[in-house]
Structures are given as C-alpha cells and as structure tokens.
C-alpha cells in the first residue's frame, strides 16, 4: 500500500476521508467515531464548511483505538495510552536526531 501520496492513495497526513468513509475503513460506526472525538482520542481536520475530514494517520490511530477498546480498555485509559505513545514517538525522534548530530561531529 502506497501511503506516500505518489501512488493511488493520498499522503498519510492528508485529510480526505469523510466521516462515513473513515468509520467504514476503521470498521466502526459513525456514532462511535464521534464518541472517540468527544473523548479527545481523535481530532479530524475540518473543511471550510465544518465537515470532518480524516487522514490515513487518523485511520491508523483509529485502528489502535479499536485494538485497545477490543481488549476491554476503557476510553480514559485509551486516551492515556495514546498520550504516552505519542510522547514516546516524539522522544524517539529527538533521540535519533541527537544521535545523527553526534555522528556528524
């Protein structure tokens, strides 16, 4: 699957999917998707008219949320897990950048 935007799929960060399409691709209902948004688990972009638009990155996050809730984890705990995973990703990127800088010296 090409997620770089050069093939038949849009770039992972490009918000193009309507709520019904995103829900279908994630295997959840539209109301469930709205519930996740209300709990701050997902934050879709909005069009000029206010329509929700989801990206490939959002779909990946929805997959993670679905996996966690499928394991019986409540939404408050899912929010905390996602928050920690996001922090780990930022720290990992910073570490890698520092290592690359150190190698160039």
PDB file of N, CA and C in Angstrom:
ATOM      1  N   UNK A   1       0.847  -1.179   0.000  1.00  0.00           N
ATOM      2  CA  UNK A   1       0.000   0.000   0.000  1.00  0.00           C
ATOM      3  C   UNK A   1       0.884   1.231   0.000  1.00  0.00           C
ATOM      4  N   UNK A   2       0.698   2.122  -0.932  1.00  0.00           N
ATOM      5  CA  UNK A   2       1.480   3.341  -1.049  1.00  0.00           C
ATOM      6  C   UNK A   2       0.819   4.431  -0.227  1.00  0.00           C
ATOM      7  N   UNK A   3       1.448   4.841   0.856  1.00  0.00           N
ATOM      8  CA  UNK A   3       0.892   5.891   1.715  1.00  0.00           C
ATOM      9  C   UNK A   3       1.691   7.176   1.586  1.00  0.00           C
ATOM     10  N   UNK A   4       2.601   7.255   0.620  1.00  0.00           N
ATOM     11  CA  UNK A   4       3.420   8.436   0.462  1.00  0.00           C
ATOM     12  C   UNK A   4       2.773   9.517  -0.377  1.00  0.00           C
ATOM     13  N   UNK A   5       1.686   9.218  -1.034  1.00  0.00           N
ATOM     14  CA  UNK A   5       0.984  10.215  -1.802  1.00  0.00           C
ATOM     15  C   UNK A   5       1.358  10.204  -3.273  1.00  0.00           C
ATOM     16  N   UNK A   6       2.336   9.393  -3.655  1.00  0.00           N
ATOM     17  CA  UNK A   6       2.764   9.378  -5.043  1.00  0.00           C
ATOM     18  C   UNK A   6       2.001   8.365  -5.882  1.00  0.00           C
ATOM     19  N   UNK A   7       1.264   7.472  -5.267  1.00  0.00           N
ATOM     20  CA  UNK A   7       0.516   6.442  -5.994  1.00  0.00           C
ATOM     21  C   UNK A   7      -0.964   6.716  -5.942  1.00  0.00           C
ATOM     22  N   UNK A   8      -1.738   5.661  -5.797  1.00  0.00           N
ATOM     23  CA  UNK A   8      -3.181   5.812  -5.841  1.00  0.00           C
ATOM     24  C   UNK A   8      -3.793   6.261  -4.518  1.00  0.00           C
ATOM     25  N   UNK A   9      -3.037   6.262  -3.430  1.00  0.00           N
ATOM     26  CA  UNK A   9      -3.556   6.684  -2.134  1.00  0.00           C
ATOM     27  C   UNK A   9      -3.016   8.062  -1.776  1.00  0.00           C
ATOM     28  N   UNK A  10      -3.807   8.874  -1.060  1.00  0.00           N
ATOM     29  CA  UNK A  10      -3.311  10.180  -0.628  1.00  0.00           C
ATOM     30  C   UNK A  10      -2.231  10.024   0.444  1.00  0.00           C
ATOM     31  N   UNK A  11      -1.439  11.054   0.631  1.00  0.00           N
ATOM     32  CA  UNK A  11      -0.420  11.052   1.676  1.00  0.00           C
ATOM     33  C   UNK A  11      -1.077  10.774   3.020  1.00  0.00           C
ATOM     34  N   UNK A  12      -0.348  10.105   3.912  1.00  0.00           N
ATOM     35  CA  UNK A  12      -0.903   9.679   5.203  1.00  0.00           C
ATOM     36  C   UNK A  12      -1.446  10.836   6.035  1.00  0.00           C
ATOM     37  N   UNK A  13      -0.858  12.000   5.914  1.00  0.00           N
ATOM     38  CA  UNK A  13      -1.297  13.142   6.704  1.00  0.00           C
ATOM     39  C   UNK A  13      -2.361  14.000   6.044  1.00  0.00           C
ATOM     40  N   UNK A  14      -2.739  13.654   4.825  1.00  0.00           N
ATOM     41  CA  UNK A  14      -3.717  14.460   4.090  1.00  0.00           C
ATOM     42  C   UNK A  14      -5.132  14.023   4.445  1.00  0.00           C
ATOM     43  N   UNK A  15      -5.913  14.952   4.983  1.00  0.00           N
ATOM     44  CA  UNK A  15      -7.272  14.656   5.434  1.00  0.00           C
ATOM     45  C   UNK A  15      -8.238  14.701   4.252  1.00  0.00           C
ATOM     46  N   UNK A  16      -8.673  13.535   3.809  1.00  0.00           N
ATOM     47  CA  UNK A  16      -9.541  13.455   2.632  1.00  0.00           C
ATOM     48  C   UNK A  16     -10.791  12.618   2.851  1.00  0.00           C
ATOM     49  N   UNK A  17     -10.830  11.815   3.903  1.00  0.00           N
ATOM     50  CA  UNK A  17     -11.931  10.874   4.090  1.00  0.00           C
ATOM     51  C   UNK A  17     -13.067  11.497   4.898  1.00  0.00           C
ATOM     52  N   UNK A  18     -14.287  11.383   4.388  1.00  0.00           N
ATOM     53  CA  UNK A  18     -15.468  11.826   5.127  1.00  0.00           C
ATOM     54  C   UNK A  18     -15.693  10.884   6.301  1.00  0.00           C
ATOM     55  N   UNK A  19     -16.496  11.299   7.258  1.00  0.00           N
ATOM     56  CA  UNK A  19     -16.704  10.513   8.469  1.00  0.00           C
ATOM     57  C   UNK A  19     -17.261   9.123   8.163  1.00  0.00           C
ATOM     58  N   UNK A  20     -18.179   9.023   7.218  1.00  0.00           N
ATOM     59  CA  UNK A  20     -18.761   7.714   6.913  1.00  0.00           C
ATOM     60  C   UNK A  20     -17.725   6.782   6.289  1.00  0.00           C
ATOM     61  N   UNK A  21     -16.855   7.325   5.458  1.00  0.00           N
ATOM     62  CA  UNK A  21     -15.799   6.524   4.831  1.00  0.00           C
ATOM     63  C   UNK A  21     -14.779   6.102   5.882  1.00  0.00           C
ATOM     64  N   UNK A  22     -14.375   7.048   6.732  1.00  0.00           N
ATOM     65  CA  UNK A  22     -13.400   6.740   7.789  1.00  0.00           C
ATOM     66  C   UNK A  22     -13.951   5.664   8.723  1.00  0.00           C
ATOM     67  N   UNK A  23     -15.207   5.796   9.117  1.00  0.00           N
ATOM     68  CA  UNK A  23     -15.816   4.804  10.003  1.00  0.00           C
ATOM     69  C   UNK A  23     -15.839   3.436   9.336  1.00  0.00           C
ATOM     70  N   UNK A  24     -16.201   3.406   8.067  1.00  0.00           N
ATOM     71  CA  UNK A  24     -16.253   2.140   7.326  1.00  0.00           C
ATOM     72  C   UNK A  24     -14.855   1.525   7.228  1.00  0.00           C
ATOM     73  N   UNK A  25     -13.862   2.330   6.875  1.00  0.00           N
ATOM     74  CA  UNK A  25     -12.490   1.818   6.755  1.00  0.00           C
ATOM     75  C   UNK A  25     -11.943   1.332   8.093  1.00  0.00           C
ATOM     76  N   UNK A  26     -12.369   1.974   9.184  1.00  0.00           N
ATOM     77  CA  UNK A  26     -11.912   1.588  10.514  1.00  0.00           C
ATOM     78  C   UNK A  26     -12.732   0.434  11.096  1.00  0.00           C
ATOM     79  N   UNK A  27     -13.838   0.116  10.463  1.00  0.00           N
ATOM     80  CA  UNK A  27     -14.678  -0.973  10.949  1.00  0.00           C
ATOM     81  C   UNK A  27     -15.489  -0.626  12.180  1.00  0.00           C
ATOM     82  N   UNK A  28     -15.844   0.657  12.287  1.00  0.00           N
ATOM     83  CA  UNK A  28     -16.644   1.115  13.432  1.00  0.00           C
ATOM     84  C   UNK A  28     -17.819   1.928  12.911  1.00  0.00           C
ATOM     85  N   UNK A  29     -18.737   2.249  13.796  1.00  0.00           N
ATOM     86  CA  UNK A  29     -19.874   3.069  13.413  1.00  0.00           C
ATOM     87  C   UNK A  29     -19.551   4.553  13.477  1.00  0.00           C
ATOM     88  N   UNK A  30     -20.321   5.332  12.769  1.00  0.00           N
ATOM     89  CA  UNK A  30     -20.136   6.784  12.751  1.00  0.00           C
ATOM     90  C   UNK A  30     -20.303   7.351  14.164  1.00  0.00           C
ATOM     91  N   UNK A  31     -21.289   6.852  14.902  1.00  0.00           N
ATOM     92  CA  UNK A  31     -21.510   7.360  16.267  1.00  0.00           C
ATOM     93  C   UNK A  31     -20.320   7.024  17.169  1.00  0.00           C
ATOM     94  N   UNK A  32     -19.719   5.877  16.970  1.00  0.00           N
ATOM     95  CA  UNK A  32     -18.530   5.510  17.744  1.00  0.00           C
ATOM     96  C   UNK A  32     -17.389   6.457  17.420  1.00  0.00           C
ATOM     97  N   UNK A  33     -17.244   6.781  16.162  1.00  0.00           N
ATOM     98  CA  UNK A  33     -16.199   7.713  15.750  1.00  0.00           C
ATOM     99  C   UNK A  33     -16.427   9.087  16.381  1.00  0.00           C
ATOM    100  N   UNK A  34     -17.667   9.527  16.414  1.00  0.00           N
ATOM    101  CA  UNK A  34     -17.988  10.807  17.068  1.00  0.00           C
ATOM    102  C   UNK A  34     -17.692  10.737  18.572  1.00  0.00           C
ATOM    103  N   UNK A  35     -17.986   9.596  19.185  1.00  0.00           N
ATOM    104  CA  UNK A  35     -17.699   9.409  20.606  1.00  0.00           C
ATOM    105  C   UNK A  35     -16.194   9.524  20.867  1.00  0.00           C
ATOM    106  N   UNK A  36     -15.386   8.897  20.006  1.00  0.00           N
ATOM    107  CA  UNK A  36     -13.928   8.985  20.154  1.00  0.00           C
ATOM    108  C   UNK A  36     -13.461  10.426  20.046  1.00  0.00           C
ATOM    109  N   UNK A  37     -14.081  11.169  19.151  1.00  0.00           N
ATOM    110  CA  UNK A  37     -13.729  12.592  19.010  1.00  0.00           C
ATOM    111  C   UNK A  37     -14.125  13.365  20.279  1.00  0.00           C
ATOM    112  N   UNK A  38     -15.303  13.089  20.818  1.00  0.00           N
ATOM    113  CA  UNK A  38     -15.759  13.769  22.041  1.00  0.00           C
ATOM    114  C   UNK A  38     -14.804  13.514  23.201  1.00  0.00           C
ATOM    115  N   UNK A  39     -14.209  12.325  23.223  1.00  0.00           N
ATOM    116  CA  UNK A  39     -13.272  11.970  24.289  1.00  0.00           C
ATOM    117  C   UNK A  39     -11.844  12.422  23.989  1.00  0.00           C
ATOM    118  N   UNK A  40     -11.646  13.102  22.874  1.00  0.00           N
ATOM    119  CA  UNK A  40     -10.344  13.629  22.535  1.00  0.00           C
ATOM    120  C   UNK A  40      -9.353  12.597  22.012  1.00  0.00           C
ATOM    121  N   UNK A  41      -9.857  11.433  21.607  1.00  0.00           N
ATOM    122  CA  UNK A  41      -8.973  10.382  21.118  1.00  0.00           C
ATOM    123  C   UNK A  41      -8.544  10.627  19.676  1.00  0.00           C
ATOM    124  N   UNK A  42      -9.346  11.364  18.955  1.00  0.00           N
ATOM    125  CA  UNK A  42      -9.081  11.659  17.547  1.00  0.00           C
ATOM    126  C   UNK A  42      -9.535  13.090  17.287  1.00  0.00           C
ATOM    127  N   UNK A  43      -8.787  13.797  16.466  1.00  0.00           N
ATOM    128  CA  UNK A  43      -9.126  15.189  16.160  1.00  0.00           C
ATOM    129  C   UNK A  43      -9.030  15.406  14.653  1.00  0.00           C
ATOM    130  N   UNK A  44     -10.117  15.124  13.940  1.00  0.00           N
ATOM    131  CA  UNK A  44     -10.074  15.281  12.480  1.00  0.00           C
ATOM    132  C   UNK A  44      -9.967  16.750  12.092  1.00  0.00           C
ATOM    133  N   UNK A  45      -9.433  16.971  10.907  1.00  0.00           N
ATOM    134  CA  UNK A  45      -9.440  18.326  10.366  1.00  0.00           C
ATOM    135  C   UNK A  45     -10.866  18.665   9.969  1.00  0.00           C
ATOM    136  N   UNK A  46     -11.109  19.941   9.765  1.00  0.00           N
ATOM    137  CA  UNK A  46     -12.431  20.390   9.328  1.00  0.00           C
ATOM    138  C   UNK A  46     -12.286  21.152   8.011  1.00  0.00           C
ATOM    139  N   UNK A  47     -13.233  20.931   7.127  1.00  0.00           N
ATOM    140  CA  UNK A  47     -13.256  21.680   5.873  1.00  0.00           C
ATOM    141  C   UNK A  47     -13.735  23.097   6.179  1.00  0.00           C
ATOM    142  N   UNK A  48     -13.699  23.962   5.177  1.00  0.00           N
ATOM    143  CA  UNK A  48     -14.180  25.337   5.358  1.00  0.00           C
ATOM    144  C   UNK A  48     -15.638  25.346   5.812  1.00  0.00           C
ATOM    145  N   UNK A  49     -16.410  24.356   5.395  1.00  0.00           N
ATOM    146  CA  UNK A  49     -17.812  24.258   5.787  1.00  0.00           C
ATOM    147  C   UNK A  49     -18.036  23.525   7.099  1.00  0.00           C
ATOM    148  N   UNK A  50     -16.965  23.070   7.746  1.00  0.00           N
ATOM    149  CA  UNK A  50     -17.075  22.409   9.038  1.00  0.00           C
ATOM    150  C   UNK A  50     -17.192  20.895   8.974  1.00  0.00           C
ATOM    151  N   UNK A  51     -17.096  20.329   7.777  1.00  0.00           N
ATOM    152  CA  UNK A  51     -17.195  18.881   7.630  1.00  0.00           C
ATOM    153  C   UNK A  51     -15.917  18.207   8.125  1.00  0.00           C
ATOM    154  N   UNK A  52     -16.079  17.132   8.884  1.00  0.00           N
ATOM    155  CA  UNK A  52     -14.921  16.379   9.363  1.00  0.00           C
ATOM    156  C   UNK A  52     -14.220  15.723   8.180  1.00  0.00           C
ATOM    157  N   UNK A  53     -12.884  15.756   8.200  1.00  0.00           N
ATOM    158  CA  UNK A  53     -12.068  15.076   7.194  1.00  0.00           C
ATOM    159  C   UNK A  53     -10.966  14.318   7.911  1.00  0.00           C
ATOM    160  N   UNK A  54     -10.870  13.036   7.614  1.00  0.00           N
ATOM    161  CA  UNK A  54      -9.907  12.158   8.273  1.00  0.00           C
ATOM    162  C   UNK A  54      -8.779  11.803   7.315  1.00  0.00           C
ATOM    163  N   UNK A  55      -7.597  11.605   7.871  1.00  0.00           N
ATOM    164  CA  UNK A  55      -6.405  11.257   7.097  1.00  0.00           C
ATOM    165  C   UNK A  55      -6.043   9.790   7.315  1.00  0.00           C
ATOM    166  N   UNK A  56      -5.088   9.330   6.553  1.00  0.00           N
ATOM    167  CA  UNK A  56      -4.558   7.987   6.757  1.00  0.00           C
ATOM    168  C   UNK A  56      -3.979   7.835   8.153  1.00  0.00           C
ATOM    169  N   UNK A  57      -3.332   8.893   8.650  1.00  0.00           N
ATOM    170  CA  UNK A  57      -2.808   8.861  10.021  1.00  0.00           C
ATOM    171  C   UNK A  57      -3.947   8.697  11.029  1.00  0.00           C
ATOM    172  N   UNK A  58      -5.061   9.387  10.780  1.00  0.00           N
ATOM    173  CA  UNK A  58      -6.228   9.237  11.650  1.00  0.00           C
ATOM    174  C   UNK A  58      -6.751   7.798  11.618  1.00  0.00           C
ATOM    175  N   UNK A  59      -6.760   7.201  10.433  1.00  0.00           N
ATOM    176  CA  UNK A  59      -7.225   5.816  10.315  1.00  0.00           C
ATOM    177  C   UNK A  59      -6.309   4.863  11.085  1.00  0.00           C
ATOM    178  N   UNK A  60      -5.011   5.131  11.034  1.00  0.00           N
ATOM    179  CA  UNK A  60      -4.068   4.314  11.805  1.00  0.00           C
ATOM    180  C   UNK A  60      -4.359   4.445  13.293  1.00  0.00           C
ATOM    181  N   UNK A  61      -4.597   5.675  13.742  1.00  0.00           N
ATOM    182  CA  UNK A  61      -4.921   5.912  15.157  1.00  0.00           C
ATOM    183  C   UNK A  61      -6.230   5.224  15.532  1.00  0.00           C
ATOM    184  N   UNK A  62      -7.220   5.277  14.647  1.00  0.00           N
ATOM    185  CA  UNK A  62      -8.489   4.587  14.905  1.00  0.00           C
ATOM    186  C   UNK A  62      -8.278   3.088  15.046  1.00  0.00           C
ATOM    187  N   UNK A  63      -7.389   2.548  14.246  1.00  0.00           N
ATOM    188  CA  UNK A  63      -7.059   1.123  14.373  1.00  0.00           C
ATOM    189  C   UNK A  63      -6.486   0.808  15.736  1.00  0.00           C
ATOM    190  N   UNK A  64      -5.618   1.690  16.229  1.00  0.00           N
ATOM    191  CA  UNK A  64      -5.021   1.490  17.561  1.00  0.00           C
ATOM    192  C   UNK A  64      -6.103   1.587  18.641  1.00  0.00           C
ATOM    193  N   UNK A  65      -6.975   2.572  18.508  1.00  0.00           N
ATOM    194  CA  UNK A  65      -8.066   2.739  19.478  1.00  0.00           C
ATOM    195  C   UNK A  65      -8.958   1.503  19.485  1.00  0.00           C
ATOM    196  N   UNK A  66      -9.294   1.019  18.309  1.00  0.00           N
ATOM    197  CA  UNK A  66     -10.140  -0.170  18.187  1.00  0.00           C
ATOM    198  C   UNK A  66      -9.484  -1.387  18.831  1.00  0.00           C
ATOM    199  N   UNK A  67      -8.185  -1.534  18.620  1.00  0.00           N
ATOM    200  CA  UNK A  67      -7.455  -2.646  19.227  1.00  0.00           C
ATOM    201  C   UNK A  67      -7.520  -2.560  20.747  1.00  0.00           C
ATOM    202  N   UNK A  68      -7.257  -1.374  21.286  1.00  0.00           N
ATOM    203  CA  UNK A  68      -7.249  -1.200  22.744  1.00  0.00           C
ATOM    204  C   UNK A  68      -8.640  -1.412  23.345  1.00  0.00           C
ATOM    205  N   UNK A  69      -9.667  -0.821  22.728  1.00  0.00           N
ATOM    206  CA  UNK A  69     -11.014  -1.000  23.281  1.00  0.00           C
ATOM    207  C   UNK A  69     -11.472  -2.452  23.133  1.00  0.00           C
ATOM    208  N   UNK A  70     -11.006  -3.118  22.085  1.00  0.00           N
ATOM    209  CA  UNK A  70     -11.319  -4.529  21.904  1.00  0.00           C
ATOM    210  C   UNK A  70     -10.715  -5.412  22.980  1.00  0.00           C
ATOM    211  N   UNK A  71      -9.663  -4.903  23.635  1.00  0.00           N
ATOM    212  CA  UNK A  71      -9.032  -5.623  24.739  1.00  0.00           C
ATOM    213  C   UNK A  71      -9.682  -5.286  26.077  1.00  0.00           C
ATOM    214  N   UNK A  72     -10.771  -4.510  26.018  1.00  0.00           N
ATOM    215  CA  UNK A  72     -11.509  -4.179  27.237  1.00  0.00           C
ATOM    216  C   UNK A  72     -11.001  -2.951  27.968  1.00  0.00           C
ATOM    217  N   UNK A  73     -10.157  -2.168  27.332  1.00  0.00           N
ATOM    218  CA  UNK A  73      -9.607  -0.968  27.967  1.00  0.00           C
ATOM    219  C   UNK A  73     -10.603   0.170  27.786  1.00  0.00           C
ATOM    220  N   UNK A  74     -10.895   0.881  28.882  1.00  0.00           N
ATOM    221  CA  UNK A  74     -11.876   1.965  28.804  1.00  0.00           C
ATOM    222  C   UNK A  74     -11.281   3.180  28.101  1.00  0.00           C
ATOM    223  N   UNK A  75     -12.151   4.110  27.687  1.00  0.00           N
ATOM    224  CA  UNK A  75     -11.713   5.234  26.870  1.00  0.00           C
ATOM    225  C   UNK A  75     -10.752   6.176  27.592  1.00  0.00           C
ATOM    226  N   UNK A  76     -10.917   6.339  28.902  1.00  0.00           N
ATOM    227  CA  UNK A  76      -9.979   7.182  29.650  1.00  0.00           C
ATOM    228  C   UNK A  76      -8.573   6.575  29.626  1.00  0.00           C
ATOM    229  N   UNK A  77      -8.507   5.275  29.794  1.00  0.00           N
ATOM    230  CA  UNK A  77      -7.206   4.594  29.743  1.00  0.00           C
ATOM    231  C   UNK A  77      -6.636   4.610  28.333  1.00  0.00           C
ATOM    232  N   UNK A  78      -7.488   4.463  27.323  1.00  0.00           N
ATOM    233  CA  UNK A  78      -7.029   4.542  25.932  1.00  0.00           C
ATOM    234  C   UNK A  78      -6.416   5.917  25.670  1.00  0.00           C
ATOM    235  N   UNK A  79      -7.070   6.962  26.160  1.00  0.00           N
ATOM    236  CA  UNK A  79      -6.546   8.317  25.979  1.00  0.00           C
ATOM    237  C   UNK A  79      -5.156   8.446  26.584  1.00  0.00           C
ATOM    238  N   UNK A  80      -4.974   7.903  27.760  1.00  0.00           N
ATOM    239  CA  UNK A  80      -3.668   7.980  28.428  1.00  0.00           C
ATOM    240  C   UNK A  80      -2.618   7.162  27.681  1.00  0.00           C
ATOM    241  N   UNK A  81      -2.986   5.986  27.220  1.00  0.00           N
ATOM    242  CA  UNK A  81      -2.055   5.146  26.458  1.00  0.00           C
ATOM    243  C   UNK A  81      -1.610   5.873  25.189  1.00  0.00           C
ATOM    244  N   UNK A  82      -2.565   6.461  24.473  1.00  0.00           N
ATOM    245  CA  UNK A  82      -2.230   7.179  23.242  1.00  0.00           C
ATOM    246  C   UNK A  82      -1.339   8.380  23.533  1.00  0.00           C
ATOM    247  N   UNK A  83      -1.625   9.068  24.621  1.00  0.00           N
ATOM    248  CA  UNK A  83      -0.811  10.216  25.031  1.00  0.00           C
ATOM    249  C   UNK A  83       0.630   9.777  25.291  1.00  0.00           C
ATOM    250  N   UNK A  84       0.795   8.676  25.991  1.00  0.00           N
ATOM    251  CA  UNK A  84       2.140   8.168  26.286  1.00  0.00           C
ATOM    252  C   UNK A  84       2.834   7.670  25.023  1.00  0.00           C
ATOM    253  N   UNK A  85       2.098   7.009  24.143  1.00  0.00           N
ATOM    254  CA  UNK A  85       2.689   6.545  22.882  1.00  0.00           C
ATOM    255  C   UNK A  85       3.136   7.724  22.021  1.00  0.00           C
ATOM    256  N   UNK A  86       2.329   8.789  22.006  1.00  0.00           N
ATOM    257  CA  UNK A  86       2.709   9.989  21.258  1.00  0.00           C
ATOM    258  C   UNK A  86       3.981  10.614  21.841  1.00  0.00           C
ATOM    259  N   UNK A  87       4.066  10.668  23.166  1.00  0.00           N
ATOM    260  CA  UNK A  87       5.259  11.222  23.823  1.00  0.00           C
ATOM    261  C   UNK A  87       6.492  10.377  23.515  1.00  0.00           C
ATOM    262  N   UNK A  88       6.334   9.081  23.522  1.00  0.00           N
ATOM    263  CA  UNK A  88       7.451   8.179  23.197  1.00  0.00           C
ATOM    264  C   UNK A  88       7.919   8.431  21.767  1.00  0.00           C
ATOM    265  N   UNK A  89       6.987   8.612  20.839  1.00  0.00           N
ATOM    266  CA  UNK A  89       7.347   8.857  19.441  1.00  0.00           C
ATOM    267  C   UNK A  89       8.149  10.156  19.301  1.00  0.00           C
ATOM    268  N   UNK A  90       7.734  11.193  20.018  1.00  0.00           N
ATOM    269  CA  UNK A  90       8.460  12.473  19.980  1.00  0.00           C
ATOM    270  C   UNK A  90       9.854  12.303  20.561  1.00  0.00           C
ATOM    271  N   UNK A  91       9.957  11.651  21.699  1.00  0.00           N
ATOM    272  CA  UNK A  91      11.262  11.449  22.337  1.00  0.00           C
ATOM    273  C   UNK A  91      12.183  10.582  21.487  1.00  0.00           C
ATOM    274  N   UNK A  92      11.635   9.584  20.851  1.00  0.00           N
ATOM    275  CA  UNK A  92      12.426   8.717  19.979  1.00  0.00           C
ATOM    276  C   UNK A  92      12.973   9.513  18.796  1.00  0.00           C
ATOM    277  N   UNK A  93      12.146  10.350  18.204  1.00  0.00           N
ATOM    278  CA  UNK A  93      12.592  11.186  17.081  1.00  0.00           C
ATOM    279  C   UNK A  93      13.684  12.154  17.530  1.00  0.00           C
ATOM    280  N   UNK A  94      13.521  12.748  18.704  1.00  0.00           N
ATOM    281  CA  UNK A  94      14.543  13.658  19.228  1.00  0.00           C
ATOM    282  C   UNK A  94      15.849  12.921  19.497  1.00  0.00           C
ATOM    283  N   UNK A  95      15.764  11.728  20.064  1.00  0.00           N
ATOM    284  CA  UNK A  95      16.950  10.923  20.325  1.00  0.00           C
ATOM    285  C   UNK A  95      17.676  10.597  19.024  1.00  0.00           C
ATOM    286  N   UNK A  96      16.920  10.188  18.022  1.00  0.00           N
ATOM    287  CA  UNK A  96      17.522   9.847  16.736  1.00  0.00           C
ATOM    288  C   UNK A  96      18.196  11.053  16.099  1.00  0.00           C
ATOM    289  N   UNK A  97      17.572  12.214  16.240  1.00  0.00           N
ATOM    290  CA  UNK A  97      18.156  13.443  15.703  1.00  0.00           C
ATOM    291  C   UNK A  97      19.457  13.777  16.422  1.00  0.00           C
ATOM    292  N   UNK A  98      19.478  13.636  17.738  1.00  0.00           N
ATOM    293  CA  UNK A  98      20.696  13.899  18.509  1.00  0.00           C
ATOM    294  C   UNK A  98      21.805  12.915  18.156  1.00  0.00           C
ATOM    295  N   UNK A  99      21.456  11.668  17.947  1.00  0.00           N
ATOM    296  CA  UNK A  99      22.452  10.668  17.544  1.00  0.00           C
ATOM    297  C   UNK A  99      23.039  11.002  16.180  1.00  0.00           C
ATOM    298  N   UNK A 100      22.187  11.432  15.265  1.00  0.00           N
ATOM    299  CA  UNK A 100      22.659  11.795  13.924  1.00  0.00           C
ATOM    300  C   UNK A 100      23.588  13.004  13.999  1.00  0.00           C
ATOM    301  N   UNK A 101      23.256  13.977  14.834  1.00  0.00           N
ATOM    302  CA  UNK A 101      24.116  15.148  15.016  1.00  0.00           C
ATOM    303  C   UNK A 101      25.451  14.753  15.609  1.00  0.00           C
ATOM    304  N   UNK A 102      25.425  13.844  16.573  1.00  0.00           N
ATOM    305  CA  UNK A 102      26.662  13.409  17.221  1.00  0.00           C
ATOM    306  C   UNK A 102      27.558  12.669  16.224  1.00  0.00           C
ATOM    307  N   UNK A 103      26.989  11.898  15.325  1.00  0.00           N
ATOM    308  CA  UNK A 103      27.776  11.184  14.316  1.00  0.00           C
ATOM    309  C   UNK A 103      28.441  12.129  13.330  1.00  0.00           C
ATOM    310  N   UNK A 104      27.791  13.260  13.065  1.00  0.00           N
ATOM    311  CA  UNK A 104      28.339  14.226  12.102  1.00  0.00           C
ATOM    312  C   UNK A 104      29.506  15.022  12.682  1.00  0.00           C
ATOM    313  N   UNK A 105      29.668  14.993  13.973  1.00  0.00           N
ATOM    314  CA  UNK A 105      30.743  15.773  14.628  1.00  0.00           C
ATOM    315  C   UNK A 105      32.040  15.077  14.573  1.00  0.00           C
TER     316      UNK A 105
END
